[in-house]
C-alpha atoms as a PDB file:
ATOM      1  CA  MET A   1      52.449  16.027 -24.429  1.00  0.00           C
ATOM      2  CA  GLU A   2      53.993  12.969 -22.186  1.00  0.00           C
ATOM      3  CA  ASP A   3      53.771  13.423 -18.331  1.00  0.00           C
ATOM      4  CA  VAL A   4      57.894  13.705 -17.199  1.00  0.00           C
ATOM      5  CA  TYR A   5      58.750  10.637 -14.970  1.00  0.00           C
ATOM      6  CA  PHE A   6      58.735  11.510 -11.133  1.00  0.00           C
ATOM      7  CA  ALA A   7      62.003   9.481 -10.650  1.00  0.00           C
ATOM      8  CA  PRO A   8      63.127   7.344  -7.739  1.00  0.00           C
ATOM      9  CA  SER A   9      65.263   7.500  -4.945  1.00  0.00           C
ATOM     10  CA  LEU A  10      67.350   4.114  -4.419  1.00  0.00           C
ATOM     11  CA  PHE A  11      69.888   2.637  -2.705  1.00  0.00           C
ATOM     12  CA  LEU A  12      71.781   0.231  -3.783  1.00  0.00           C
ATOM     13  CA  ASN A  13      73.788  -2.893  -2.477  1.00  0.00           C
ATOM     14  CA  HIS A  14      76.649  -3.105  -4.924  1.00  0.00           C
ATOM     15  CA  GLY A  15      78.544  -6.198  -3.647  1.00  0.00           C
ATOM     16  CA  GLY A  16      82.420  -6.716  -3.188  1.00  0.00           C
ATOM     17  CA  GLY A  17      84.304  -5.761  -5.455  1.00  0.00           C
ATOM     18  CA  PRO A  18      83.805  -6.540  -9.175  1.00  0.00           C
ATOM     19  CA  TYR A  19      81.985  -9.460  -8.009  1.00  0.00           C
ATOM     20  CA  PRO A  20      78.330  -9.280  -8.607  1.00  0.00           C
ATOM     21  CA  VAL A  21      79.039  -9.037 -12.869  1.00  0.00           C
ATOM     22  CA  LEU A  22      81.895 -11.615 -12.613  1.00  0.00           C
ATOM     23  CA  GLY A  23      79.271 -14.311 -10.837  1.00  0.00           C
ATOM     24  CA  GLU A  24      80.598 -14.783  -7.938  1.00  0.00           C
ATOM     25  CA  LYS A  25      78.488 -17.208  -5.395  1.00  0.00           C
ATOM     26  CA  ASN A  26      78.485 -15.040  -2.238  1.00  0.00           C
ATOM     27  CA  ASN A  27      77.166 -12.181  -4.518  1.00  0.00           C
ATOM     28  CA  LEU A  28      74.315 -13.940  -6.703  1.00  0.00           C
ATOM     29  CA  GLU A  29      71.791 -11.990  -5.096  1.00  0.00           C
ATOM     30  CA  ILE A  30      73.128  -8.943  -5.339  1.00  0.00           C
ATOM     31  CA  ALA A  31      73.503  -9.254  -8.713  1.00  0.00           C
ATOM     32  CA  GLU A  32      70.161 -10.596  -9.138  1.00  0.00           C
ATOM     33  CA  ALA A  33      68.426  -7.407  -7.408  1.00  0.00           C
ATOM     34  CA  LEU A  34      70.868  -5.057  -9.412  1.00  0.00           C
ATOM     35  CA  LYS A  35      69.458  -6.684 -12.693  1.00  0.00           C
ATOM     36  CA  ASP A  36      65.825  -6.503 -10.772  1.00  0.00           C
ATOM     37  CA  VAL A  37      66.021  -2.328 -10.788  1.00  0.00           C
ATOM     38  CA  SER A  38      64.128  -2.406 -13.949  1.00  0.00           C
ATOM     39  CA  GLY A  39      61.507  -3.917 -12.382  1.00  0.00           C
ATOM     40  CA  TYR A  40      60.929  -1.041 -10.204  1.00  0.00           C
ATOM     41  CA  VAL A  41      62.399   2.138 -12.147  1.00  0.00           C
ATOM     42  CA  ASP A  42      61.356   2.645 -15.532  1.00  0.00           C
ATOM     43  CA  LEU A  43      64.179   3.285 -17.291  1.00  0.00           C
ATOM     44  CA  SER A  44      62.804   3.945 -20.661  1.00  0.00           C
ATOM     45  CA  ARG A  45      62.032   7.106 -18.838  1.00  0.00           C
ATOM     46  CA  LEU A  46      65.092   8.576 -17.289  1.00  0.00           C
ATOM     47  CA  ARG A  47      66.467  11.705 -17.958  1.00  0.00           C
ATOM     48  CA  ALA A  48      69.825  10.659 -16.400  1.00  0.00           C
ATOM     49  CA  ILE A  49      70.983   8.628 -13.290  1.00  0.00           C
ATOM     50  CA  VAL A  50      72.621  10.550 -10.370  1.00  0.00           C
ATOM     51  CA  ILE A  51      74.728   7.922  -8.673  1.00  0.00           C
ATOM     52  CA  VAL A  52      76.428   8.872  -4.984  1.00  0.00           C
ATOM     53  CA  THR A  53      78.870   6.098  -4.587  1.00  0.00           C
ATOM     54  CA  ALA A  54      80.461   5.069  -1.126  1.00  0.00           C
ATOM     55  CA  HIS A  55      84.242   4.586  -3.041  1.00  0.00           C
ATOM     56  CA  ARG A  56      84.800   8.562  -3.824  1.00  0.00           C
ATOM     57  CA  GLU A  57      85.064  10.778  -0.550  1.00  0.00           C
ATOM     58  CA  GLU A  58      86.059  14.186  -1.291  1.00  0.00           C
ATOM     59  CA  ASP A  59      86.607  17.417   1.043  1.00  0.00           C
ATOM     60  CA  VAL A  60      83.402  19.040  -0.778  1.00  0.00           C
ATOM     61  CA  VAL A  61      80.867  17.189  -3.326  1.00  0.00           C
ATOM     62  CA  THR A  62      82.885  16.803  -6.287  1.00  0.00           C
ATOM     63  CA  ILE A  63      80.171  16.035  -9.529  1.00  0.00           C
ATOM     64  CA  SER A  64      81.533  14.608 -12.626  1.00  0.00           C
ATOM     65  CA  SER A  65      80.616  16.803 -15.092  1.00  0.00           C
ATOM     66  CA  ALA A  66      82.416  15.162 -18.496  1.00  0.00           C
ATOM     67  CA  GLU A  67      80.622  13.917 -21.867  1.00  0.00           C
ATOM     68  CA  ARG A  68      82.634  10.712 -21.151  1.00  0.00           C
ATOM     69  CA  HIS A  69      84.361   9.043 -18.146  1.00  0.00           C
ATOM     70  CA  SER A  70      86.536   6.646 -18.212  1.00  0.00           C
ATOM     71  CA  LEU A  71      86.366   3.748 -15.389  1.00  0.00           C
ATOM     72  CA  LEU A  72      88.611   3.443 -12.255  1.00  0.00           C
ATOM     73  CA  TYR A  73      89.633  -0.001 -11.610  1.00  0.00           C
ATOM     74  CA  ASP A  74      89.608   0.922  -7.834  1.00  0.00           C
ATOM     75  CA  TYR A  75      89.556  -2.777  -6.346  1.00  0.00           C
ATOM     76  CA  TYR A  76      93.011  -4.692  -5.854  1.00  0.00           C
ATOM     77  CA  ASN A  77      93.902  -8.197  -6.652  1.00  0.00           C
ATOM     78  CA  PHE A  78      90.483  -9.661  -8.519  1.00  0.00           C
ATOM     79  CA  PRO A  79      90.546 -11.718 -11.323  1.00  0.00           C
ATOM     80  CA  PRO A  80      92.109 -10.068 -15.513  1.00  0.00           C
ATOM     81  CA  GLU A  81      89.001  -9.938 -16.838  1.00  0.00           C
ATOM     82  CA  SER A  82      87.851  -7.284 -14.128  1.00  0.00           C
ATOM     83  CA  TYR A  83      89.933  -5.068 -15.082  1.00  0.00           C
ATOM     84  CA  THR A  84      89.022  -4.825 -18.845  1.00  0.00           C
ATOM     85  CA  LEU A  85      85.251  -3.971 -18.049  1.00  0.00           C
ATOM     86  CA  LYS A  86      83.817  -1.524 -20.272  1.00  0.00           C
ATOM     87  CA  TYR A  87      80.507   0.554 -19.586  1.00  0.00           C
ATOM     88  CA  ASN A  88      80.701   3.791 -21.653  1.00  0.00           C
ATOM     89  CA  ALA A  89      77.708   5.666 -20.377  1.00  0.00           C
ATOM     90  CA  PRO A  90      77.351   9.591 -21.456  1.00  0.00           C
ATOM     91  CA  GLY A  91      77.552  12.150 -18.602  1.00  0.00           C
ATOM     92  CA  ASP A  92      75.330  15.117 -18.610  1.00  0.00           C
ATOM     93  CA  PRO A  93      77.661  18.577 -18.546  1.00  0.00           C
ATOM     94  CA  ILE A  94      74.661  20.441 -18.606  1.00  0.00           C
ATOM     95  CA  LEU A  95      72.729  18.504 -15.900  1.00  0.00           C
ATOM     96  CA  ALA A  96      76.500  18.546 -13.934  1.00  0.00           C
ATOM     97  CA  ALA A  97      76.267  22.414 -14.004  1.00  0.00           C
ATOM     98  CA  ARG A  98      73.019  22.364 -12.321  1.00  0.00           C
ATOM     99  CA  ILE A  99      73.181  20.429  -9.776  1.00  0.00           C
ATOM    100  CA  HIS A 100      76.784  22.545  -8.545  1.00  0.00           C
ATOM    101  CA  GLU A 101      74.606  25.342  -9.052  1.00  0.00           C
ATOM    102  CA  ALA A 102      71.904  24.092  -6.788  1.00  0.00           C
ATOM    103  CA  PHE A 103      74.554  22.807  -4.266  1.00  0.00           C
ATOM    104  CA  LYS A 104      75.493  26.490  -4.641  1.00  0.00           C
ATOM    105  CA  ASN A 105      72.000  28.009  -4.193  1.00  0.00           C
ATOM    106  CA  ALA A 106      71.534  25.921  -0.777  1.00  0.00           C
ATOM    107  CA  GLY A 107      74.783  26.737   0.530  1.00  0.00           C
ATOM    108  CA  ILE A 108      76.686  23.237   0.108  1.00  0.00           C
ATOM    109  CA  GLU A 109      80.483  23.716  -1.668  1.00  0.00           C
ATOM    110  CA  SER A 110      80.327  21.709  -4.478  1.00  0.00           C
ATOM    111  CA  ARG A 111      82.736  21.554  -7.458  1.00  0.00           C
ATOM    112  CA  LEU A 112      82.904  19.660 -11.263  1.00  0.00           C
ATOM    113  CA  ASP A 113      85.036  17.491 -12.560  1.00  0.00           C
ATOM    114  CA  ASP A 114      85.465  16.582 -16.115  1.00  0.00           C
ATOM    115  CA  GLN A 115      88.748  14.472 -15.620  1.00  0.00           C
ATOM    116  CA  ARG A 116      88.602  11.506 -13.075  1.00  0.00           C
ATOM    117  CA  GLY A 117      87.405   7.970 -13.991  1.00  0.00           C
ATOM    118  CA  TRP A 118      84.093   6.518 -12.837  1.00  0.00           C
ATOM    119  CA  ASP A 119      84.730   4.435  -9.526  1.00  0.00           C
ATOM    120  CA  HIS A 120      83.299   0.467  -9.814  1.00  0.00           C
ATOM    121  CA  GLY A 121      80.719   1.919  -7.067  1.00  0.00           C
ATOM    122  CA  VAL A 122      79.241   3.356 -10.308  1.00  0.00           C
ATOM    123  CA  PHE A 123      80.343   0.623 -13.363  1.00  0.00           C
ATOM    124  CA  ILE A 124      79.480  -2.406 -11.675  1.00  0.00           C
ATOM    125  CA  PRO A 125      75.671  -1.664 -10.684  1.00  0.00           C
ATOM    126  CA  MET A 126      75.175   0.023 -13.395  1.00  0.00           C
ATOM    127  CA  MET A 127      76.444  -3.012 -15.701  1.00  0.00           C
ATOM    128  CA  LEU A 128      73.607  -5.253 -14.618  1.00  0.00           C
ATOM    129  CA  ILE A 129      71.189  -2.612 -14.127  1.00  0.00           C
ATOM    130  CA  ASN A 130      71.195  -1.165 -17.421  1.00  0.00           C
ATOM    131  CA  PRO A 131      73.989  -3.127 -19.929  1.00  0.00           C
ATOM    132  CA  LYS A 132      72.878  -0.798 -22.795  1.00  0.00           C
ATOM    133  CA  ALA A 133      74.528   1.859 -20.868  1.00  0.00           C
ATOM    134  CA  ASP A 134      72.071   4.602 -22.650  1.00  0.00           C
ATOM    135  CA  ILE A 135      70.991   6.629 -19.938  1.00  0.00           C
ATOM    136  CA  SER A 136      73.315   9.259 -18.946  1.00  0.00           C
ATOM    137  CA  ILE A 137      75.340   9.557 -15.785  1.00  0.00           C
ATOM    138  CA  ILE A 138      76.327  11.919 -13.074  1.00  0.00           C
ATOM    139  CA  GLN A 139      78.642  10.174 -10.029  1.00  0.00           C
ATOM    140  CA  ILE A 140      78.551  12.733  -6.900  1.00  0.00           C
ATOM    141  CA  SER A 141      80.943  11.895  -4.445  1.00  0.00           C
ATOM    142  CA  ILE A 142      80.412  11.689  -0.565  1.00  0.00           C
ATOM    143  CA  LEU A 143      82.380  13.552   1.682  1.00  0.00           C
ATOM    144  CA  GLU A 144      85.233  12.397   3.646  1.00  0.00           C
ATOM    145  CA  ASN A 145      84.116  13.558   7.049  1.00  0.00           C
ATOM    146  CA  GLN A 146      81.235  11.400   6.765  1.00  0.00           C
ATOM    147  CA  ASN A 147      78.752  13.964   8.562  1.00  0.00           C
ATOM    148  CA  ALA A 148      75.434  12.347   8.378  1.00  0.00           C
ATOM    149  CA  SER A 149      73.332  15.548   8.693  1.00  0.00           C
ATOM    150  CA  GLN A 150      75.206  16.881   5.759  1.00  0.00           C
ATOM    151  CA  HIS A 151      75.103  14.098   3.502  1.00  0.00           C
ATOM    152  CA  TYR A 152      71.031  13.990   4.380  1.00  0.00           C
ATOM    153  CA  GLU A 153      71.196  17.591   3.127  1.00  0.00           C
ATOM    154  CA  ILE A 154      72.752  16.505   0.065  1.00  0.00           C
ATOM    155  CA  GLY A 155      69.723  14.748  -0.783  1.00  0.00           C
ATOM    156  CA  ARG A 156      67.589  17.132  -0.042  1.00  0.00           C
ATOM    157  CA  VAL A 157      69.011  19.323  -2.709  1.00  0.00           C
ATOM    158  CA  LEU A 158      69.140  16.119  -4.959  1.00  0.00           C
ATOM    159  CA  TYR A 159      65.274  15.689  -4.341  1.00  0.00           C
ATOM    160  CA  GLN A 160      64.578  18.639  -6.961  1.00  0.00           C
ATOM    161  CA  PHE A 161      65.942  16.453 -10.016  1.00  0.00           C
ATOM    162  CA  ARG A 162      63.276  13.826  -9.143  1.00  0.00           C
ATOM    163  CA  LYS A 163      60.592  16.014 -10.524  1.00  0.00           C
ATOM    164  CA  GLU A 164      62.696  16.086 -13.467  1.00  0.00           C
ATOM    165  CA  GLY A 165      62.988  12.432 -14.699  1.00  0.00           C
ATOM    166  CA  VAL A 166      66.349  11.873 -12.853  1.00  0.00           C
ATOM    167  CA  ALA A 167      67.061   9.100 -10.560  1.00  0.00           C
ATOM    168  CA  ILE A 168      68.982   8.861  -7.144  1.00  0.00           C
ATOM    169  CA  PHE A 169      70.798   5.955  -6.967  1.00  0.00           C
ATOM    170  CA  GLY A 170      72.951   5.669  -3.752  1.00  0.00           C
ATOM    171  CA  SER A 171      75.664   2.744  -4.069  1.00  0.00           C
ATOM    172  CA  GLY A 172      76.722   1.355  -0.855  1.00  0.00           C
ATOM    173  CA  LEU A 173      76.298  -1.650   1.295  1.00  0.00           C
ATOM    174  CA  SER A 174      73.636  -1.433   4.614  1.00  0.00           C
ATOM    175  CA  TYR A 175      76.513  -3.203   6.675  1.00  0.00           C
ATOM    176  CA  HIS A 176      80.103  -2.650   5.709  1.00  0.00           C
ATOM    177  CA  ASN A 177      82.894  -3.800   8.149  1.00  0.00           C
ATOM    178  CA  MET A 178      85.970  -4.822   6.176  1.00  0.00           C
ATOM    179  CA  LYS A 179      87.513  -6.378   9.489  1.00  0.00           C
ATOM    180  CA  GLU A 180      84.781  -8.644   9.985  1.00  0.00           C
ATOM    181  CA  PHE A 181      84.374  -9.487   6.253  1.00  0.00           C
ATOM    182  CA  ARG A 182      87.478 -10.522   6.069  1.00  0.00           C
ATOM    183  CA  LYS A 183      87.156 -12.613   9.239  1.00  0.00           C
ATOM    184  CA  VAL A 184      84.398 -14.346   8.048  1.00  0.00           C
ATOM    185  CA  ASN A 185      83.738 -18.231   6.653  1.00  0.00           C
ATOM    186  CA  PRO A 186      80.449 -18.069   4.237  1.00  0.00           C
ATOM    187  CA  GLU A 187      80.554 -21.698   4.453  1.00  0.00           C
ATOM    188  CA  ILE A 188      79.735 -22.407   7.738  1.00  0.00           C
ATOM    189  CA  GLU A 189      78.396 -19.109   9.300  1.00  0.00           C
ATOM    190  CA  LYS A 190      74.751 -18.503  10.481  1.00  0.00           C
ATOM    191  CA  ASN A 191      75.234 -16.397  12.967  1.00  0.00           C
ATOM    192  CA  ILE A 192      73.366 -12.975  11.693  1.00  0.00           C
ATOM    193  CA  VAL A 193      75.160 -10.243  13.949  1.00  0.00           C
ATOM    194  CA  ASN A 194      73.925  -7.112  12.885  1.00  0.00           C
ATOM    195  CA  THR A 195      70.186  -7.669  13.395  1.00  0.00           C
ATOM    196  CA  ASP A 196      69.278  -4.274  15.853  1.00  0.00           C
ATOM    197  CA  PHE A 197      71.145  -2.541  13.509  1.00  0.00           C
ATOM    198  CA  ASP A 198      69.567  -3.363  10.171  1.00  0.00           C
ATOM    199  CA  ARG A 199      65.946  -3.568  12.134  1.00  0.00           C
ATOM    200  CA  PHE A 200      66.668   0.330  12.884  1.00  0.00           C
ATOM    201  CA  LEU A 201      67.244   1.393   9.320  1.00  0.00           C
ATOM    202  CA  ASN A 202      64.081  -0.690   7.864  1.00  0.00           C
ATOM    203  CA  GLU A 203      61.964   1.197  10.874  1.00  0.00           C
ATOM    204  CA  VAL A 204      63.434   4.825   9.549  1.00  0.00           C
ATOM    205  CA  CYS A 205      63.465   4.306   5.703  1.00  0.00           C
ATOM    206  CA  THR A 206      60.256   3.213   5.685  1.00  0.00           C
ATOM    207  CA  GLY A 207      58.729   5.409   8.016  1.00  0.00           C
ATOM    208  CA  ASP A 208      57.418   9.027   7.521  1.00  0.00           C
ATOM    209  CA  GLU A 209      59.359  11.748   6.870  1.00  0.00           C
ATOM    210  CA  GLU A 210      59.963  12.910  10.367  1.00  0.00           C
ATOM    211  CA  SER A 211      60.930   9.302  11.092  1.00  0.00           C
ATOM    212  CA  ARG A 212      63.750   8.974   8.503  1.00  0.00           C
ATOM    213  CA  LYS A 213      65.300  12.439   9.682  1.00  0.00           C
ATOM    214  CA  LYS A 214      66.434   9.819  13.024  1.00  0.00           C
ATOM    215  CA  ILE A 215      69.076   7.993  10.075  1.00  0.00           C
ATOM    216  CA  VAL A 216      71.339  11.188  10.748  1.00  0.00           C
ATOM    217  CA  PHE A 217      71.457   9.919  14.543  1.00  0.00           C
ATOM    218  CA  TRP A 218      72.520   6.376  13.226  1.00  0.00           C
ATOM    219  CA  GLU A 219      75.613   6.325  15.489  1.00  0.00           C
ATOM    220  CA  GLN A 220      73.620   6.104  18.709  1.00  0.00           C
ATOM    221  CA  GLU A 221      71.904   3.168  17.941  1.00  0.00           C
ATOM    222  CA  LYS A 222      72.616  -0.164  19.437  1.00  0.00           C
ATOM    223  CA  GLY A 223      74.914  -2.091  16.852  1.00  0.00           C
ATOM    224  CA  ALA A 224      76.166   1.147  14.779  1.00  0.00           C
ATOM    225  CA  TYR A 225      80.070   1.015  15.085  1.00  0.00           C
ATOM    226  CA  GLU A 226      79.700  -2.945  14.663  1.00  0.00           C
ATOM    227  CA  SER A 227      77.798  -2.231  11.474  1.00  0.00           C
ATOM    228  CA  HIS A 228      79.690   0.707  10.392  1.00  0.00           C
ATOM    229  CA  PRO A 229      83.015   1.264  12.321  1.00  0.00           C
ATOM    230  CA  LEU A 230      84.141   4.888  13.463  1.00  0.00           C
ATOM    231  CA  GLY A 231      85.218   6.531  10.050  1.00  0.00           C
ATOM    232  CA  GLU A 232      84.711   4.092   8.216  1.00  0.00           C
ATOM    233  CA  ALA A 233      80.803   4.207   7.290  1.00  0.00           C
ATOM    234  CA  ASP A 234      81.705   5.708   3.719  1.00  0.00           C
ATOM    235  CA  HIS A 235      79.053   2.903   3.235  1.00  0.00           C
ATOM    236  CA  LEU A 236      76.090   4.071   4.641  1.00  0.00           C
ATOM    237  CA  MET A 237      76.386   7.626   3.570  1.00  0.00           C
ATOM    238  CA  PRO A 238      74.894   7.475  -0.099  1.00  0.00           C
ATOM    239  CA  LEU A 239      71.724   5.690   1.844  1.00  0.00           C
ATOM    240  CA  ILE A 240      71.356   8.706   3.885  1.00  0.00           C
ATOM    241  CA  VAL A 241      71.543  10.944   0.833  1.00  0.00           C
ATOM    242  CA  ASN A 242      68.527   8.699  -0.424  1.00  0.00           C
ATOM    243  CA  ALA A 243      66.801   9.628   2.662  1.00  0.00           C
ATOM    244  CA  GLY A 244      67.468  12.776   2.394  1.00  0.00           C
ATOM    245  CA  ALA A 245      66.077  12.947  -1.504  1.00  0.00           C
ATOM    246  CA  GLY A 246      63.204  10.824  -0.433  1.00  0.00           C
ATOM    247  CA  GLY A 247      60.870  13.795  -0.233  1.00  0.00           C
ATOM    248  CA  THR A 248      57.618  13.328   1.813  1.00  0.00           C
ATOM    249  CA  GLY A 249      56.547   9.807   1.164  1.00  0.00           C
ATOM    250  CA  ARG A 250      57.445   6.612   2.773  1.00  0.00           C
ATOM    251  CA  GLY A 251      60.729   4.084   1.719  1.00  0.00           C
ATOM    252  CA  ARG A 252      59.500   0.690   1.113  1.00  0.00           C
ATOM    253  CA  LYS A 253      62.605  -2.481   1.609  1.00  0.00           C
ATOM    254  CA  ILE A 254      62.873  -3.633  -1.999  1.00  0.00           C
ATOM    255  CA  PHE A 255      66.009  -6.121  -0.928  1.00  0.00           C
ATOM    256  CA  ASP A 256      66.791  -8.590   1.805  1.00  0.00           C
ATOM    257  CA  SER A 257      69.619 -10.970   1.590  1.00  0.00           C
ATOM    258  CA  VAL A 258      71.914 -12.547   3.919  1.00  0.00           C
ATOM    259  CA  PHE A 259      75.850 -11.528   2.784  1.00  0.00           C
ATOM    260  CA  LEU A 260      78.127 -14.095   3.328  1.00  0.00           C
ATOM    261  CA  GLY A 261      76.195 -15.858   5.898  1.00  0.00           C
ATOM    262  CA  LYS A 262      76.453 -13.390   8.232  1.00  0.00           C
ATOM    263  CA  PHE A 263      75.617 -10.147   7.783  1.00  0.00           C
ATOM    264  CA  LYS A 264      72.105  -8.610   7.400  1.00  0.00           C
ATOM    265  CA  ILE A 265      71.803  -6.123   3.895  1.00  0.00           C
ATOM    266  CA  SER A 266      68.918  -3.949   3.459  1.00  0.00           C
ATOM    267  CA  GLY A 267      67.967  -2.614   0.045  1.00  0.00           C
ATOM    268  CA  PHE A 268      65.298   0.783   0.079  1.00  0.00           C
ATOM    269  CA  ILE A 269      63.601   3.224  -2.453  1.00  0.00           C
ATOM    270  CA  TRP A 270      61.502   6.129  -2.072  1.00  0.00           C
ATOM    271  CA  ASP A 271      59.298   6.550  -5.444  1.00  0.00           C
ATOM    272  CA  SER A 272      55.790   8.255  -4.332  1.00  0.00           C
END
């Protein structure tokens, strides 16, 4: 009998809307990194993938639970073809119910949702990671309160499912400041603005378990609110969940890029 695959916890930078799938030039490195995930994750041995998405914020943890989910094109003013993209991976209602029960046992309020479609934080990276769409997906929301400690605890609950071959993917961006994105001219920018905060993320995410817990105090770090403005840290929350699901091993940096010529972004995996 084949050993069960101990699946990883992995943070994905998912880029700008549908641009990684459309081949937009500023998202090419992100697109290539998503395609390269199969070099870090044995997709053939996964039972399922849980995707914690920055693009769904709820008052309680919300878990997709249908056999199939439609796609939610939750982006605006993109090319027409971006509204016809398809990703028909199955869901897993039984696994969703078990995750719901695990949260209940941990004292974390959650609910199942078999109606809402998967947002682009799910289907855009997965179109590049696994075009065959033959691995079951469970979408999990972040919390609208953006409480870092609670997101870390969500990850700790999800850790147990890694032992069953269920990967935990966080889908966000390690830097996400929409005001700065709108101002930037990637053709001329050469000045990286978030070196301090990116260094902090790298230190905690590649450190031991005790060091990693410091991620819940991210707001105290130099450059924190410049990287993720107060109340707008939705794209950081999935990384905090991934850190919580990291177990006792150290994480590894698997992606390093400069987005739009100005913003350092980093990706991490916990696979030990």
